[in-house]
Amino acid sequence: MKSVAFIPARFASARLPGKPLKDIRGKSMIERVYERVRRASLVSDVIVATDDERIVKAVWGFGGKAVLTGECATGTERVAKAARNIPDGVAPPDIVVNVQGDEPLIEPSIIDDCIRALADPCASMSTSMSTHMSTPMTGIKDPSDMSDPNVVKVVTDINGFALYFSRSPIPYLKGGPITVAFKHIGLYAFRRAMLFQLAALPRSPLEKAEGLEQLRALENGFKIKTVFTAYNPVSVDTPEDLERVRGMAWEG
């Protein structure tokens, strides 16, 4: 199954304007993310989906591929729009991967794991257990993360399918171990037809309440397979985050 990764990159940011073009040790953030995504063995192409010509020019400058999408309400909608308007020479994919543009240290193996969750023949054996999309999660080790609204939590069923995502502490730990709590990582792999269907749906009530676009999928009956990883993402949302990432070890 052919898989193409899209990196949604929006120029405007309240806390860090021009974030995709910020320098990290001699390369822009978007180039750093692009390089990491290209290392995923199951990804055949990588395309930046953006609302700004400056980002397009920067991507072309380092030899990457980019498409303009205009304004979009969510990253998923931006990726869906880009997937409908892929550059010449790129075949339509079976699986579309949405990789956040503010994680310059994203682990390529996680991308492959999410693709495998959809490519597995067993994933589509029956309607009740079919997998429409997949996303990674990791364990919560710091108890303070449970009450942090910026840390999205997820709970799953016994087969690893997501039951709910929330910014609030879930599940309620009535003396139980924190090992039942998981942190969601905002990376998604979609079956292409499902992505287009999802992006065309109106924003759902829980999506609006929590500010989490993946809830639109759950509210409309789509199955989301979670993939466990030990990786803990390093996102860049503020100038302080940027300085912290700049100080980390880099390969080049």
C-alpha atoms as a PDB file:
ATOM      1  CA  MET A   1       0.000   0.000   0.000  1.00  0.00           C
ATOM      2  CA  LYS A   2       1.390   3.388  -1.026  1.00  0.00           C
ATOM      3  CA  SER A   3       1.746   5.900   1.809  1.00  0.00           C
ATOM      4  CA  VAL A   4       2.393   9.635   1.492  1.00  0.00           C
ATOM      5  CA  ALA A   5       3.147  11.852   4.479  1.00  0.00           C
ATOM      6  CA  PHE A   6       1.849  15.416   4.604  1.00  0.00           C
ATOM      7  CA  ILE A   7       3.203  18.035   6.981  1.00  0.00           C
ATOM      8  CA  PRO A   8       0.665  20.814   7.638  1.00  0.00           C
ATOM      9  CA  ALA A   9       2.573  24.069   8.188  1.00  0.00           C
ATOM     10  CA  ARG A  10       0.776  27.291   9.050  1.00  0.00           C
ATOM     11  CA  PHE A  11       2.792  30.517   9.058  1.00  0.00           C
ATOM     12  CA  ALA A  12       0.732  32.395  11.620  1.00  0.00           C
ATOM     13  CA  SER A  13       1.144  31.406  15.269  1.00  0.00           C
ATOM     14  CA  ALA A  14       0.013  33.442  18.247  1.00  0.00           C
ATOM     15  CA  ARG A  15       2.913  32.299  20.427  1.00  0.00           C
ATOM     16  CA  LEU A  16       5.597  31.877  17.755  1.00  0.00           C
ATOM     17  CA  PRO A  17       4.858  33.699  14.453  1.00  0.00           C
ATOM     18  CA  GLY A  18       6.574  32.206  11.418  1.00  0.00           C
ATOM     19  CA  LYS A  19       7.268  29.009  13.360  1.00  0.00           C
ATOM     20  CA  PRO A  20       7.944  26.706  10.343  1.00  0.00           C
ATOM     21  CA  LEU A  21      10.779  28.958   9.167  1.00  0.00           C
ATOM     22  CA  LYS A  22      12.515  29.383  12.515  1.00  0.00           C
ATOM     23  CA  ASP A  23      16.164  28.354  12.432  1.00  0.00           C
ATOM     24  CA  ILE A  24      17.302  25.236  14.268  1.00  0.00           C
ATOM     25  CA  ARG A  25      21.056  24.836  14.055  1.00  0.00           C
ATOM     26  CA  GLY A  26      21.339  26.056  10.457  1.00  0.00           C
ATOM     27  CA  LYS A  27      18.123  24.596   9.049  1.00  0.00           C
ATOM     28  CA  SER A  28      14.505  25.722   9.221  1.00  0.00           C
ATOM     29  CA  MET A  29      12.116  23.830  11.454  1.00  0.00           C
ATOM     30  CA  ILE A  30      10.117  22.638   8.453  1.00  0.00           C
ATOM     31  CA  GLU A  31      13.287  21.219   6.878  1.00  0.00           C
ATOM     32  CA  ARG A  32      14.151  19.433  10.126  1.00  0.00           C
ATOM     33  CA  VAL A  33      10.701  17.828  10.246  1.00  0.00           C
ATOM     34  CA  TYR A  34      10.829  16.987   6.543  1.00  0.00           C
ATOM     35  CA  GLU A  35      14.173  15.219   6.937  1.00  0.00           C
ATOM     36  CA  ARG A  36      12.905  13.116   9.831  1.00  0.00           C
ATOM     37  CA  VAL A  37       9.738  12.084   8.000  1.00  0.00           C
ATOM     38  CA  ARG A  38      11.725  11.046   4.921  1.00  0.00           C
ATOM     39  CA  ARG A  39      13.521   8.481   7.084  1.00  0.00           C
ATOM     40  CA  ALA A  40      10.304   6.519   7.615  1.00  0.00           C
ATOM     41  CA  SER A  41      10.789   3.362   5.550  1.00  0.00           C
ATOM     42  CA  LEU A  42       7.116   3.004   4.558  1.00  0.00           C
ATOM     43  CA  VAL A  43       6.667   6.585   3.312  1.00  0.00           C
ATOM     44  CA  SER A  44       7.094   6.973  -0.447  1.00  0.00           C
ATOM     45  CA  ASP A  45       6.721  10.768  -0.599  1.00  0.00           C
ATOM     46  CA  VAL A  46       6.676  13.737   1.772  1.00  0.00           C
ATOM     47  CA  ILE A  47       4.704  16.897   0.985  1.00  0.00           C
ATOM     48  CA  VAL A  48       4.341  20.104   2.993  1.00  0.00           C
ATOM     49  CA  ALA A  49       0.799  21.494   3.043  1.00  0.00           C
ATOM     50  CA  THR A  50       0.846  25.206   3.792  1.00  0.00           C
ATOM     51  CA  ASP A  51      -1.058  28.475   3.601  1.00  0.00           C
ATOM     52  CA  ASP A  52       1.964  30.660   2.838  1.00  0.00           C
ATOM     53  CA  GLU A  53       4.163  31.207  -0.232  1.00  0.00           C
ATOM     54  CA  ARG A  54       7.203  31.823   1.984  1.00  0.00           C
ATOM     55  CA  ILE A  55       6.994  28.290   3.311  1.00  0.00           C
ATOM     56  CA  VAL A  56       6.537  26.878  -0.200  1.00  0.00           C
ATOM     57  CA  LYS A  57       9.670  28.691  -1.380  1.00  0.00           C
ATOM     58  CA  ALA A  58      11.642  27.493   1.642  1.00  0.00           C
ATOM     59  CA  VAL A  59      10.620  23.874   0.986  1.00  0.00           C
ATOM     60  CA  TRP A  60      11.483  24.132  -2.701  1.00  0.00           C
ATOM     61  CA  GLY A  61      14.793  25.664  -1.656  1.00  0.00           C
ATOM     62  CA  PHE A  62      15.912  22.498   0.133  1.00  0.00           C
ATOM     63  CA  GLY A  63      14.540  20.246  -2.605  1.00  0.00           C
ATOM     64  CA  GLY A  64      11.245  19.307  -0.971  1.00  0.00           C
ATOM     65  CA  LYS A  65       7.677  19.209  -2.244  1.00  0.00           C
ATOM     66  CA  ALA A  66       4.956  21.617  -1.128  1.00  0.00           C
ATOM     67  CA  VAL A  67       1.400  22.621  -2.039  1.00  0.00           C
ATOM     68  CA  LEU A  68      -0.608  25.712  -1.165  1.00  0.00           C
ATOM     69  CA  THR A  69      -3.915  24.985   0.545  1.00  0.00           C
ATOM     70  CA  GLY A  70      -5.234  28.406   1.526  1.00  0.00           C
ATOM     71  CA  GLU A  71      -6.950  28.838   4.878  1.00  0.00           C
ATOM     72  CA  CYS A  72      -8.135  25.676   6.638  1.00  0.00           C
ATOM     73  CA  ALA A  73      -9.827  25.233  10.019  1.00  0.00           C
ATOM     74  CA  THR A  74      -7.739  22.234  11.117  1.00  0.00           C
ATOM     75  CA  GLY A  75      -4.585  20.386  10.205  1.00  0.00           C
ATOM     76  CA  THR A  76      -6.627  17.402   9.044  1.00  0.00           C
ATOM     77  CA  GLU A  77      -8.629  19.582   6.672  1.00  0.00           C
ATOM     78  CA  ARG A  78      -5.390  21.084   5.336  1.00  0.00           C
ATOM     79  CA  VAL A  79      -3.934  17.624   4.725  1.00  0.00           C
ATOM     80  CA  ALA A  80      -7.138  16.443   3.019  1.00  0.00           C
ATOM     81  CA  LYS A  81      -7.076  19.460   0.712  1.00  0.00           C
ATOM     82  CA  ALA A  82      -3.421  18.853  -0.126  1.00  0.00           C
ATOM     83  CA  ALA A  83      -4.087  15.156  -0.744  1.00  0.00           C
ATOM     84  CA  ARG A  84      -6.653  16.138  -3.375  1.00  0.00           C
ATOM     85  CA  ASN A  85      -4.117  18.394  -5.100  1.00  0.00           C
ATOM     86  CA  ILE A  86      -0.892  16.435  -4.963  1.00  0.00           C
ATOM     87  CA  PRO A  87       2.029  17.597  -7.143  1.00  0.00           C
ATOM     88  CA  ASP A  88       2.659  16.126 -10.566  1.00  0.00           C
ATOM     89  CA  GLY A  89       4.604  12.907 -10.430  1.00  0.00           C
ATOM     90  CA  VAL A  90       3.144  11.775  -7.095  1.00  0.00           C
ATOM     91  CA  ALA A  91       0.677   8.897  -7.380  1.00  0.00           C
ATOM     92  CA  PRO A  92      -2.468   9.060  -5.225  1.00  0.00           C
ATOM     93  CA  PRO A  93      -1.703   7.188  -1.991  1.00  0.00           C
ATOM     94  CA  ASP A  94      -3.695   4.467  -0.258  1.00  0.00           C
ATOM     95  CA  ILE A  95      -2.673   5.845   3.142  1.00  0.00           C
ATOM     96  CA  VAL A  96      -2.253   9.513   4.050  1.00  0.00           C
ATOM     97  CA  VAL A  97      -0.145  10.408   7.071  1.00  0.00           C
ATOM     98  CA  ASN A  98      -0.517  13.717   8.917  1.00  0.00           C
ATOM     99  CA  VAL A  99       2.736  14.655  10.701  1.00  0.00           C
ATOM    100  CA  GLN A 100       2.824  17.788  12.860  1.00  0.00           C
ATOM    101  CA  GLY A 101       5.119  20.496  11.532  1.00  0.00           C
ATOM    102  CA  ASP A 102       6.358  21.545  14.970  1.00  0.00           C
ATOM    103  CA  GLU A 103       8.064  18.291  16.008  1.00  0.00           C
ATOM    104  CA  PRO A 104      11.564  18.472  14.511  1.00  0.00           C
ATOM    105  CA  LEU A 105      12.623  15.383  16.482  1.00  0.00           C
ATOM    106  CA  ILE A 106       9.744  13.125  15.423  1.00  0.00           C
ATOM    107  CA  GLU A 107      10.765   9.462  15.481  1.00  0.00           C
ATOM    108  CA  PRO A 108      10.427   7.947  11.961  1.00  0.00           C
ATOM    109  CA  SER A 109       9.618   4.480  13.319  1.00  0.00           C
ATOM    110  CA  ILE A 110       6.375   5.812  14.835  1.00  0.00           C
ATOM    111  CA  ILE A 111       5.207   6.851  11.373  1.00  0.00           C
ATOM    112  CA  ASP A 112       5.929   3.335  10.092  1.00  0.00           C
ATOM    113  CA  ASP A 113       4.085   1.774  13.035  1.00  0.00           C
ATOM    114  CA  CYS A 114       0.955   3.833  12.344  1.00  0.00           C
ATOM    115  CA  ILE A 115       1.062   2.876   8.667  1.00  0.00           C
ATOM    116  CA  ARG A 116       1.406  -0.813   9.579  1.00  0.00           C
ATOM    117  CA  ALA A 117      -1.700  -0.538  11.759  1.00  0.00           C
ATOM    118  CA  LEU A 118      -3.676   0.295   8.607  1.00  0.00           C
ATOM    119  CA  ALA A 119      -1.792  -1.893   6.141  1.00  0.00           C
ATOM    120  CA  ASP A 120      -2.314  -5.038   8.252  1.00  0.00           C
ATOM    121  CA  PRO A 121      -4.787  -7.282   6.333  1.00  0.00           C
ATOM    122  CA  CYS A 122      -6.452  -8.128   9.634  1.00  0.00           C
ATOM    123  CA  ALA A 123      -7.305  -4.451  10.130  1.00  0.00           C
ATOM    124  CA  SER A 124     -10.134  -4.597   7.574  1.00  0.00           C
ATOM    125  CA  MET A 125     -11.502  -8.129   8.098  1.00  0.00           C
ATOM    126  CA  SER A 126     -14.835  -6.977   9.460  1.00  0.00           C
ATOM    127  CA  THR A 127     -16.886  -3.831   9.688  1.00  0.00           C
ATOM    128  CA  SER A 128     -17.006  -3.943  13.472  1.00  0.00           C
ATOM    129  CA  MET A 129     -13.231  -4.134  13.859  1.00  0.00           C
ATOM    130  CA  SER A 130     -12.096  -2.215  10.766  1.00  0.00           C
ATOM    131  CA  THR A 131      -9.442   0.437  11.270  1.00  0.00           C
ATOM    132  CA  HIS A 132     -10.152   3.770   9.614  1.00  0.00           C
ATOM    133  CA  MET A 133      -7.208   5.671  11.060  1.00  0.00           C
ATOM    134  CA  SER A 134      -4.370   5.189  13.517  1.00  0.00           C
ATOM    135  CA  THR A 135      -2.490   7.378  15.978  1.00  0.00           C
ATOM    136  CA  PRO A 136       0.287   6.912  18.564  1.00  0.00           C
ATOM    137  CA  MET A 137       0.146   7.209  22.334  1.00  0.00           C
ATOM    138  CA  THR A 138       2.688   6.939  25.123  1.00  0.00           C
ATOM    139  CA  GLY A 139       2.591   6.393  28.856  1.00  0.00           C
ATOM    140  CA  ILE A 140       2.174   9.264  31.289  1.00  0.00           C
ATOM    141  CA  LYS A 141       5.012   9.247  33.779  1.00  0.00           C
ATOM    142  CA  ASP A 142       4.645  12.715  35.291  1.00  0.00           C
ATOM    143  CA  PRO A 143       1.481  12.911  37.441  1.00  0.00           C
ATOM    144  CA  SER A 144       1.202  16.651  36.704  1.00  0.00           C
ATOM    145  CA  ASP A 145       0.507  15.821  33.037  1.00  0.00           C
ATOM    146  CA  MET A 146      -2.853  14.353  34.035  1.00  0.00           C
ATOM    147  CA  SER A 147      -4.192  17.791  34.977  1.00  0.00           C
ATOM    148  CA  ASP A 148      -2.367  19.717  32.222  1.00  0.00           C
ATOM    149  CA  PRO A 149      -4.910  20.663  29.497  1.00  0.00           C
ATOM    150  CA  ASN A 150      -2.083  20.930  26.962  1.00  0.00           C
ATOM    151  CA  VAL A 151      -1.422  17.203  27.415  1.00  0.00           C
ATOM    152  CA  VAL A 152      -4.158  15.305  25.580  1.00  0.00           C
ATOM    153  CA  LYS A 153      -5.152  12.046  27.234  1.00  0.00           C
ATOM    154  CA  VAL A 154      -6.628   8.972  25.540  1.00  0.00           C
ATOM    155  CA  VAL A 155      -8.377   5.860  26.816  1.00  0.00           C
ATOM    156  CA  THR A 156      -8.805   2.712  24.730  1.00  0.00           C
ATOM    157  CA  ASP A 157     -10.765  -0.521  24.632  1.00  0.00           C
ATOM    158  CA  ILE A 158      -9.138  -3.930  25.154  1.00  0.00           C
ATOM    159  CA  ASN A 159      -8.243  -4.098  21.455  1.00  0.00           C
ATOM    160  CA  GLY A 160      -6.423  -0.766  21.481  1.00  0.00           C
ATOM    161  CA  PHE A 161      -9.115   1.266  19.745  1.00  0.00           C
ATOM    162  CA  ALA A 162      -9.612   4.770  21.108  1.00  0.00           C
ATOM    163  CA  LEU A 163     -12.695   5.299  23.276  1.00  0.00           C
ATOM    164  CA  TYR A 164     -12.149   8.977  23.991  1.00  0.00           C
ATOM    165  CA  PHE A 165      -9.614  11.811  23.924  1.00  0.00           C
ATOM    166  CA  SER A 166      -9.684  14.651  26.442  1.00  0.00           C
ATOM    167  CA  ARG A 167      -7.730  17.567  27.849  1.00  0.00           C
ATOM    168  CA  SER A 168      -9.177  16.626  31.240  1.00  0.00           C
ATOM    169  CA  PRO A 169      -7.791  13.801  33.401  1.00  0.00           C
ATOM    170  CA  ILE A 170      -9.084  10.487  32.021  1.00  0.00           C
ATOM    171  CA  PRO A 171      -9.627   7.984  33.398  1.00  0.00           C
ATOM    172  CA  TYR A 172     -10.399   9.125  36.916  1.00  0.00           C
ATOM    173  CA  LEU A 173      -7.722   7.473  39.051  1.00  0.00           C
ATOM    174  CA  LYS A 174      -9.575   6.354  42.158  1.00  0.00           C
ATOM    175  CA  GLY A 175      -6.486   5.027  43.860  1.00  0.00           C
ATOM    176  CA  GLY A 176      -5.511   3.127  40.723  1.00  0.00           C
ATOM    177  CA  PRO A 177      -2.113   3.126  39.005  1.00  0.00           C
ATOM    178  CA  ILE A 178      -1.126   5.875  36.585  1.00  0.00           C
ATOM    179  CA  THR A 179      -0.135   3.131  34.125  1.00  0.00           C
ATOM    180  CA  VAL A 180      -3.706   3.100  32.795  1.00  0.00           C
ATOM    181  CA  ALA A 181      -3.350   6.704  31.596  1.00  0.00           C
ATOM    182  CA  PHE A 182      -1.907   7.508  28.179  1.00  0.00           C
ATOM    183  CA  LYS A 183      -0.705  10.663  26.455  1.00  0.00           C
ATOM    184  CA  HIS A 184      -1.854  11.145  22.886  1.00  0.00           C
ATOM    185  CA  ILE A 185       0.689  12.066  20.220  1.00  0.00           C
ATOM    186  CA  GLY A 186      -0.798  14.177  17.430  1.00  0.00           C
ATOM    187  CA  LEU A 187       0.215  12.112  14.414  1.00  0.00           C
ATOM    188  CA  TYR A 188      -2.405  10.383  12.257  1.00  0.00           C
ATOM    189  CA  ALA A 189      -2.514   7.835   9.456  1.00  0.00           C
ATOM    190  CA  PHE A 190      -5.737   7.678   7.423  1.00  0.00           C
ATOM    191  CA  ARG A 191      -7.172   5.556   4.699  1.00  0.00           C
ATOM    192  CA  ARG A 192      -7.455   8.148   1.925  1.00  0.00           C
ATOM    193  CA  ALA A 193     -11.184   7.796   1.265  1.00  0.00           C
ATOM    194  CA  MET A 194     -11.903   8.006   4.992  1.00  0.00           C
ATOM    195  CA  LEU A 195      -9.817  11.194   5.282  1.00  0.00           C
ATOM    196  CA  PHE A 196     -11.833  12.914   2.561  1.00  0.00           C
ATOM    197  CA  GLN A 197     -15.071  11.808   4.184  1.00  0.00           C
ATOM    198  CA  LEU A 198     -13.963  13.021   7.614  1.00  0.00           C
ATOM    199  CA  ALA A 199     -12.764  16.402   6.370  1.00  0.00           C
ATOM    200  CA  ALA A 200     -16.128  17.019   4.676  1.00  0.00           C
ATOM    201  CA  LEU A 201     -18.081  16.533   7.909  1.00  0.00           C
ATOM    202  CA  PRO A 202     -19.074  19.533  10.059  1.00  0.00           C
ATOM    203  CA  ARG A 203     -17.287  20.148  13.337  1.00  0.00           C
ATOM    204  CA  SER A 204     -18.838  17.893  15.960  1.00  0.00           C
ATOM    205  CA  PRO A 205     -20.083  18.917  19.434  1.00  0.00           C
ATOM    206  CA  LEU A 206     -17.306  17.173  21.387  1.00  0.00           C
ATOM    207  CA  GLU A 207     -14.691  18.433  18.944  1.00  0.00           C
ATOM    208  CA  LYS A 208     -15.847  21.983  19.652  1.00  0.00           C
ATOM    209  CA  ALA A 209     -16.016  21.420  23.402  1.00  0.00           C
ATOM    210  CA  GLU A 210     -12.529  19.911  23.766  1.00  0.00           C
ATOM    211  CA  GLY A 211     -10.836  21.625  20.833  1.00  0.00           C
ATOM    212  CA  LEU A 212      -9.680  18.205  19.559  1.00  0.00           C
ATOM    213  CA  GLU A 213     -10.323  17.420  15.909  1.00  0.00           C
ATOM    214  CA  GLN A 214      -9.925  13.636  16.336  1.00  0.00           C
ATOM    215  CA  LEU A 215     -13.186  13.587  18.297  1.00  0.00           C
ATOM    216  CA  ARG A 216     -15.005  14.330  15.045  1.00  0.00           C
ATOM    217  CA  ALA A 217     -13.933  10.879  13.871  1.00  0.00           C
ATOM    218  CA  LEU A 218     -15.148   9.119  17.028  1.00  0.00           C
ATOM    219  CA  GLU A 219     -18.457  10.987  17.097  1.00  0.00           C
ATOM    220  CA  ASN A 220     -19.127   9.881  13.526  1.00  0.00           C
ATOM    221  CA  GLY A 221     -18.384   6.223  14.190  1.00  0.00           C
ATOM    222  CA  PHE A 222     -14.880   5.895  12.766  1.00  0.00           C
ATOM    223  CA  LYS A 223     -12.488   3.468  14.453  1.00  0.00           C
ATOM    224  CA  ILE A 224      -9.117   4.855  15.588  1.00  0.00           C
ATOM    225  CA  LYS A 225      -6.412   2.303  16.322  1.00  0.00           C
ATOM    226  CA  THR A 226      -3.839   3.458  18.866  1.00  0.00           C
ATOM    227  CA  VAL A 227      -0.187   2.464  18.600  1.00  0.00           C
ATOM    228  CA  PHE A 228       1.870   2.451  21.785  1.00  0.00           C
ATOM    229  CA  THR A 229       5.355   3.951  21.750  1.00  0.00           C
ATOM    230  CA  ALA A 230       7.960   4.859  24.343  1.00  0.00           C
ATOM    231  CA  TYR A 231       8.729   8.040  22.379  1.00  0.00           C
ATOM    232  CA  ASN A 232       7.780  11.272  24.145  1.00  0.00           C
ATOM    233  CA  PRO A 233       7.318  14.114  21.631  1.00  0.00           C
ATOM    234  CA  VAL A 234       9.226  17.382  21.786  1.00  0.00           C
ATOM    235  CA  SER A 235       6.934  20.027  20.307  1.00  0.00           C
ATOM    236  CA  VAL A 236       7.866  23.646  19.604  1.00  0.00           C
ATOM    237  CA  ASP A 237       5.049  25.981  20.612  1.00  0.00           C
ATOM    238  CA  THR A 238       6.836  28.897  22.272  1.00  0.00           C
ATOM    239  CA  PRO A 239      10.154  30.801  22.001  1.00  0.00           C
ATOM    240  CA  GLU A 240      11.282  28.872  25.095  1.00  0.00           C
ATOM    241  CA  ASP A 241      10.556  25.551  23.369  1.00  0.00           C
ATOM    242  CA  LEU A 242      12.566  26.709  20.365  1.00  0.00           C
ATOM    243  CA  GLU A 243      15.601  27.561  22.470  1.00  0.00           C
ATOM    244  CA  ARG A 244      15.373  24.216  24.245  1.00  0.00           C
ATOM    245  CA  VAL A 245      15.317  22.332  20.936  1.00  0.00           C
ATOM    246  CA  ARG A 246      18.214  24.374  19.577  1.00  0.00           C
ATOM    247  CA  GLY A 247      20.261  23.246  22.556  1.00  0.00           C
ATOM    248  CA  MET A 248      19.689  19.540  21.910  1.00  0.00           C
ATOM    249  CA  ALA A 249      22.075  17.235  20.072  1.00  0.00           C
ATOM    250  CA  TRP A 250      21.616  17.216  16.284  1.00  0.00           C
ATOM    251  CA  GLU A 251      22.998  14.951  13.604  1.00  0.00           C
ATOM    252  CA  GLY A 252      23.624  17.715  11.084  1.00  0.00           C
END
